[in-house]
Structures are given as structure tokens and as C-alpha cells.
Amino acid sequence: MRRGRRLPELRLSEEARSTLQGWTRRRKTAQALSMRVRIVLRASDGLTATAIAAEVHACIQTVSKWWRRFDEQGLDGLLDEPRPGQPRKLSDAQIEEVIVRTLESKPPAATHWSTRTMAAATSINQTAISRIWRAFSLAPHRSETFKLSKDPLFIDKVRDIVGLYMNPPERALLLCVDEKSQIQALDRTAPLLPMRPGQIERRTHDYARHGTTSLFAALDTKTGNIIGQNQQRHR
């Protein structure tokens, strides 16, 4: 003999049952929605509210609430109701435009989008652009490499250089000079891996040279003038 509060009898159509069973099998279904679906399915099998509450680890009032919501509103009754507060001002189309522009285009005369340039291009305020990028884990200003140097002394060189910054000798003067002996057209040794939601742009650290000219330059530290000379490529 069954004990416990009986729920109002409600027969599920084959279409509704199939939809509910599909929700329970989906890995990305929210835990709260999954519990509500199990309540409805078990109640349609004739179980009492007490038995269902023990099975889904919920109180009897919760079981009765979601069965009643399903009885009155159908599948939509199992979803969360809109929360009170200021309604959303941005439409899905506007959010999609920001994401597509971020992933598939670049601003004029710049290497990547910033919140200011994107706000000016889409007529959406800068704060909203920042929220969209955070929600979809987009970081146009960042990039990283995905290859390691094949130099057998790479680790030793890194330790020497980083050590000068982290623990320099006493009363030492450290000058950082970037070699620019040639101006050339450069090509990365592997294709660039574009940015996508949750993954920043990645490129190789090494490249192939396709140079045409050489630039020899010197800096006059006293006046700040640069003395330079261009020459055609020669061997």
C-alpha cells in the first residue's frame, strides 16, 4: 500500500515525455532543471510526493510546487521565471555583432580592438563591451606563443637575462638593446591560431626572413638623434 501525499494525476504525452527524457540525458542541463524534470517523470509514473522527495533529496513542498507548475504551464513551467530588476538593454543581435567583430575583424590603423574602439564602432557603451568580453572570455589585447625554442642553451640564456632583472649586481647599469640590423618582411613558421571564446590569440615565437633591405642605425644619446643609412640587400 502506497503511503504519502498523492499528486494530481496528469498523463504525459509522448512528445512531452521524450523532451523531458532528452533534458535529463544532456550533460549541460542545469542541476535545478534536471531535478524538476525527474520530479515530473517520476510523478507521471504514479509515485507519491513522499517517495519522489526521498528520491530526489528535496522536500515534499518542492515536489508539489514543480508538479503543479508543470500541470498549469507545461514545459515552460519548469524553467526559471524572469527575475525582478532592470530589463536588459542589449539585444542578442547587438551582442552577436560585438562577438563577430572581435573575432573576425580588426579596427582601422590598429592591431586589435579595445573597449573604446569597439564602443565607437558599435555605438554600445564601453562598460557593456567589457562585460560581453568577460562573459565570453575574449581578450583581444593578449597573445601568446605555442612553440618552444630549439636552442640547446635556451634555459641557460633565459636564466642569465632574467637574473639581471630579478637580482642585478650591486650598482649595475642595465641597458636593454633590441637588435634591428635589418628591416625585412617576416613570415611566421606556423600559421597564426586566431582568438576564440576562452582562448587568446597564439603565434609562434620564430619566423622566416624574406628581407629586401638592410638598415644600419645609431643613436646619439646626447642629442637623441638617430643616424641611419639604408642599403640594398647584398651578400
Protein backbone atom coordinates (compact mmCIF):
# COMPACT_ATOMS: atom_id res chain seq x y z
CA MET A 1 0.00 0.00 0.00
CA ARG A 2 1.42 3.37 -1.03
CA ARG A 3 1.84 5.98 1.65
CA GLY A 4 2.31 9.73 1.33
CA ARG A 5 0.66 12.65 -0.36
CA ARG A 6 -0.75 11.77 -3.75
CA LEU A 7 -0.15 14.17 -6.62
CA PRO A 8 -2.92 15.13 -9.05
CA GLU A 9 -2.96 12.68 -11.91
CA LEU A 10 -1.51 14.03 -15.14
CA ARG A 11 -0.65 11.96 -18.15
CA LEU A 12 2.34 12.97 -20.24
CA SER A 13 2.12 12.98 -24.00
CA GLU A 14 4.77 11.03 -25.87
CA GLU A 15 6.25 14.28 -27.18
CA ALA A 16 6.49 15.84 -23.69
CA ARG A 17 7.98 12.66 -22.20
CA SER A 18 10.55 12.46 -24.99
CA THR A 19 11.54 16.09 -24.43
CA LEU A 20 11.89 15.63 -20.67
CA GLN A 21 13.95 12.48 -21.06
CA GLY A 22 16.20 14.32 -23.51
CA TRP A 23 16.78 17.06 -20.92
CA THR A 24 17.83 14.52 -18.31
CA ARG A 25 20.37 12.94 -20.69
CA ARG A 26 22.02 16.21 -21.65
CA ARG A 27 25.32 16.81 -19.88
CA LYS A 28 24.89 20.58 -19.87
CA THR A 29 21.42 20.61 -18.30
CA ALA A 30 21.42 22.64 -15.07
CA GLN A 31 21.12 20.64 -11.87
CA ALA A 32 17.99 22.50 -10.79
CA LEU A 33 16.22 21.84 -14.09
CA SER A 34 17.31 18.20 -14.04
CA MET A 35 15.72 17.74 -10.59
CA ARG A 36 12.44 19.31 -11.74
CA VAL A 37 12.34 17.02 -14.78
CA ARG A 38 12.90 13.94 -12.62
CA ILE A 39 10.06 15.05 -10.34
CA VAL A 40 7.64 15.26 -13.27
CA LEU A 41 8.74 11.96 -14.81
CA ARG A 42 8.52 10.04 -11.54
CA ALA A 43 5.16 11.61 -10.67
CA SER A 44 3.80 10.59 -14.06
CA ASP A 45 4.76 7.01 -13.15
CA GLY A 46 2.36 7.17 -10.19
CA LEU A 47 4.84 7.72 -7.31
CA THR A 48 3.70 9.70 -4.29
CA ALA A 49 5.18 13.07 -3.33
CA THR A 50 6.87 11.47 -0.31
CA ALA A 51 8.60 8.83 -2.41
CA ILE A 52 9.74 11.36 -5.02
CA ALA A 53 11.02 13.75 -2.35
CA ALA A 54 13.15 10.98 -0.86
CA GLU A 55 14.47 10.00 -4.30
CA VAL A 56 15.47 13.50 -5.45
CA HIS A 57 16.52 14.67 -1.97
CA ALA A 58 14.01 17.51 -1.81
CA CYS A 59 11.12 18.45 0.46
CA ILE A 60 7.53 17.48 -0.31
CA GLN A 61 6.56 21.12 -0.88
CA THR A 62 9.19 21.39 -3.66
CA VAL A 63 7.87 18.27 -5.36
CA SER A 64 4.29 19.56 -5.24
CA LYS A 65 5.34 23.00 -6.48
CA TRP A 66 7.01 21.78 -9.69
CA TRP A 67 4.34 19.21 -10.47
CA ARG A 68 1.73 21.95 -10.12
CA ARG A 69 3.76 24.36 -12.27
CA PHE A 70 4.06 21.70 -14.98
CA ASP A 71 0.34 20.97 -14.76
CA GLU A 72 -0.51 24.65 -15.29
CA GLN A 73 2.20 25.81 -17.74
CA GLY A 74 3.65 22.69 -19.35
CA LEU A 75 7.36 22.53 -20.20
CA ASP A 76 7.77 26.29 -19.82
CA GLY A 77 6.69 25.98 -16.19
CA LEU A 78 9.89 24.09 -15.35
CA LEU A 79 12.10 26.98 -16.44
CA ASP A 80 13.11 29.81 -14.15
CA GLU A 81 10.85 32.83 -14.16
CA PRO A 82 12.30 36.23 -15.13
CA ARG A 83 13.93 37.83 -12.11
CA PRO A 84 12.91 41.32 -10.97
CA GLY A 85 15.17 44.21 -11.83
CA GLN A 86 16.10 46.46 -14.73
CA PRO A 87 15.38 44.81 -18.08
CA ARG A 88 18.30 44.01 -20.36
CA LYS A 89 19.06 46.86 -22.75
CA LEU A 90 21.23 44.97 -25.27
CA SER A 91 19.61 42.60 -27.73
CA ASP A 92 21.06 39.25 -28.80
CA ALA A 93 21.81 40.76 -32.22
CA GLN A 94 23.93 43.52 -30.65
CA ILE A 95 25.87 41.04 -28.52
CA GLU A 96 26.43 38.84 -31.57
CA GLU A 97 27.72 41.85 -33.53
CA VAL A 98 30.31 42.60 -30.84
CA ILE A 99 31.50 38.98 -30.74
CA VAL A 100 31.72 38.67 -34.53
CA ARG A 101 33.62 41.95 -34.87
CA THR A 102 36.02 40.92 -32.12
CA LEU A 103 36.78 37.54 -33.65
CA GLU A 104 36.70 38.31 -37.37
CA SER A 105 37.91 41.88 -37.87
CA LYS A 106 40.41 44.50 -36.77
CA PRO A 107 39.94 48.25 -36.26
CA PRO A 108 41.43 50.72 -38.75
CA ALA A 109 45.12 51.51 -38.11
CA ALA A 110 45.33 49.19 -35.10
CA THR A 111 46.38 45.62 -34.37
CA HIS A 112 43.45 44.70 -32.10
CA TRP A 113 40.19 46.00 -30.69
CA SER A 114 39.99 47.89 -27.42
CA THR A 115 36.83 48.56 -25.44
CA ARG A 116 36.89 52.19 -26.60
CA THR A 117 37.30 51.46 -30.32
CA MET A 118 34.66 48.72 -30.18
CA ALA A 119 32.26 51.02 -28.34
CA ALA A 120 32.73 53.69 -31.01
CA ALA A 121 32.20 51.16 -33.84
CA THR A 122 29.05 49.56 -32.38
CA SER A 123 27.51 52.55 -30.53
CA ILE A 124 27.48 50.48 -27.33
CA ASN A 125 28.95 51.90 -24.14
CA GLN A 126 32.43 50.82 -23.09
CA THR A 127 31.26 49.12 -19.88
CA ALA A 128 28.88 46.87 -21.82
CA ILE A 129 31.68 45.89 -24.23
CA SER A 130 33.86 44.92 -21.28
CA ARG A 131 31.06 42.80 -19.77
CA ILE A 132 30.48 40.97 -23.07
CA TRP A 133 34.17 40.18 -23.46
CA ARG A 134 34.38 38.88 -19.89
CA ALA A 135 31.25 36.76 -20.35
CA PHE A 136 32.70 35.07 -23.45
CA SER A 137 36.33 35.06 -22.22
CA LEU A 138 37.60 37.25 -25.07
CA ALA A 139 40.92 39.09 -24.72
CA PRO A 140 41.92 40.81 -28.00
CA HIS A 141 44.84 42.60 -26.32
CA ARG A 142 46.58 39.36 -25.37
CA SER A 143 48.60 36.85 -27.37
CA GLU A 144 50.94 34.02 -26.53
CA THR A 145 53.32 31.63 -28.26
CA PHE A 146 52.76 27.91 -28.62
CA LYS A 147 56.29 26.78 -29.64
CA LEU A 148 59.45 26.36 -27.60
CA SER A 149 62.89 27.33 -28.80
CA LYS A 150 65.11 24.51 -30.08
CA ASP A 151 68.24 26.29 -28.84
CA PRO A 152 70.04 23.78 -26.54
CA LEU A 153 71.20 26.70 -24.37
CA PHE A 154 67.77 28.35 -24.23
CA ILE A 155 67.22 27.71 -20.50
CA ASP A 156 70.68 28.98 -19.59
CA LYS A 157 70.16 32.16 -21.60
CA VAL A 158 66.76 32.78 -20.01
CA ARG A 159 68.26 32.40 -16.53
CA ASP A 160 71.08 34.84 -17.35
CA ILE A 161 68.79 37.50 -18.78
CA VAL A 162 66.00 37.19 -16.23
CA GLY A 163 68.59 37.08 -13.43
CA LEU A 164 69.85 40.54 -14.44
CA TYR A 165 66.36 41.96 -13.89
CA MET A 166 65.47 39.93 -10.78
CA ASN A 167 68.83 40.12 -8.98
CA PRO A 168 71.22 42.57 -10.70
CA PRO A 169 74.77 43.13 -9.40
CA GLU A 170 75.20 45.99 -6.95
CA ARG A 171 75.42 49.46 -8.58
CA ALA A 172 74.99 47.93 -12.01
CA LEU A 173 73.57 49.73 -15.05
CA LEU A 174 71.45 47.52 -17.26
CA LEU A 175 70.81 48.58 -20.86
CA CYS A 176 68.31 46.65 -22.94
CA VAL A 177 69.10 46.88 -26.67
CA ASP A 178 66.89 45.31 -29.32
CA GLU A 179 68.70 44.27 -32.47
CA LYS A 180 67.26 45.94 -35.56
CA SER A 181 70.05 45.34 -38.05
CA GLN A 182 67.63 44.64 -40.91
CA ILE A 183 64.18 45.69 -41.98
CA GLN A 184 62.57 42.69 -43.65
CA ALA A 185 59.27 41.09 -44.49
CA LEU A 186 58.75 38.38 -41.87
CA ASP A 187 56.66 35.25 -42.05
CA ARG A 188 55.87 33.05 -39.03
CA THR A 189 56.98 29.44 -39.28
CA ALA A 190 53.43 28.24 -38.47
CA PRO A 191 50.01 29.77 -39.14
CA LEU A 192 48.59 32.09 -36.51
CA LEU A 193 45.95 30.47 -34.30
CA PRO A 194 43.14 33.05 -34.03
CA MET A 195 41.39 34.08 -30.85
CA ARG A 196 38.18 32.31 -29.88
CA PRO A 197 35.98 32.35 -26.76
CA GLY A 198 38.09 31.14 -23.85
CA GLN A 199 41.34 31.10 -25.86
CA ILE A 200 43.60 34.05 -26.63
CA GLU A 201 45.45 34.50 -29.92
CA ARG A 202 48.54 32.28 -30.32
CA ARG A 203 51.51 32.65 -32.64
CA THR A 204 54.97 31.15 -32.96
CA HIS A 205 57.98 32.90 -31.47
CA ASP A 206 60.16 32.20 -34.53
CA TYR A 207 59.80 33.37 -38.11
CA ALA A 208 61.33 33.12 -41.57
CA ARG A 209 63.01 36.18 -43.06
CA HIS A 210 62.14 37.50 -46.52
CA GLY A 211 64.17 40.70 -46.36
CA THR A 212 64.82 43.16 -49.15
CA THR A 213 66.77 45.97 -47.48
CA SER A 214 69.09 46.47 -44.54
CA LEU A 215 69.01 49.40 -42.12
CA PHE A 216 72.11 50.46 -40.23
CA ALA A 217 71.40 52.94 -37.48
CA ALA A 218 73.00 54.51 -34.45
CA LEU A 219 71.56 56.58 -31.60
CA ASP A 220 73.25 59.74 -30.40
CA THR A 221 72.44 59.51 -26.69
CA LYS A 222 73.38 63.12 -26.06
CA THR A 223 71.04 64.72 -28.59
CA GLY A 224 68.59 61.88 -29.13
CA ASN A 225 69.15 61.93 -32.90
CA ILE A 226 69.14 58.71 -34.90
CA ILE A 227 71.80 58.35 -37.58
CA GLY A 228 70.69 55.86 -40.19
CA GLN A 229 71.53 54.53 -43.63
CA ASN A 230 69.56 52.23 -45.93
CA GLN A 231 71.30 49.81 -48.27
CA GLN A 232 70.03 47.35 -50.84
CA ARG A 233 70.38 43.74 -49.85
CA HIS A 234 73.78 42.35 -50.63
CA ARG A 235 75.78 39.25 -49.80
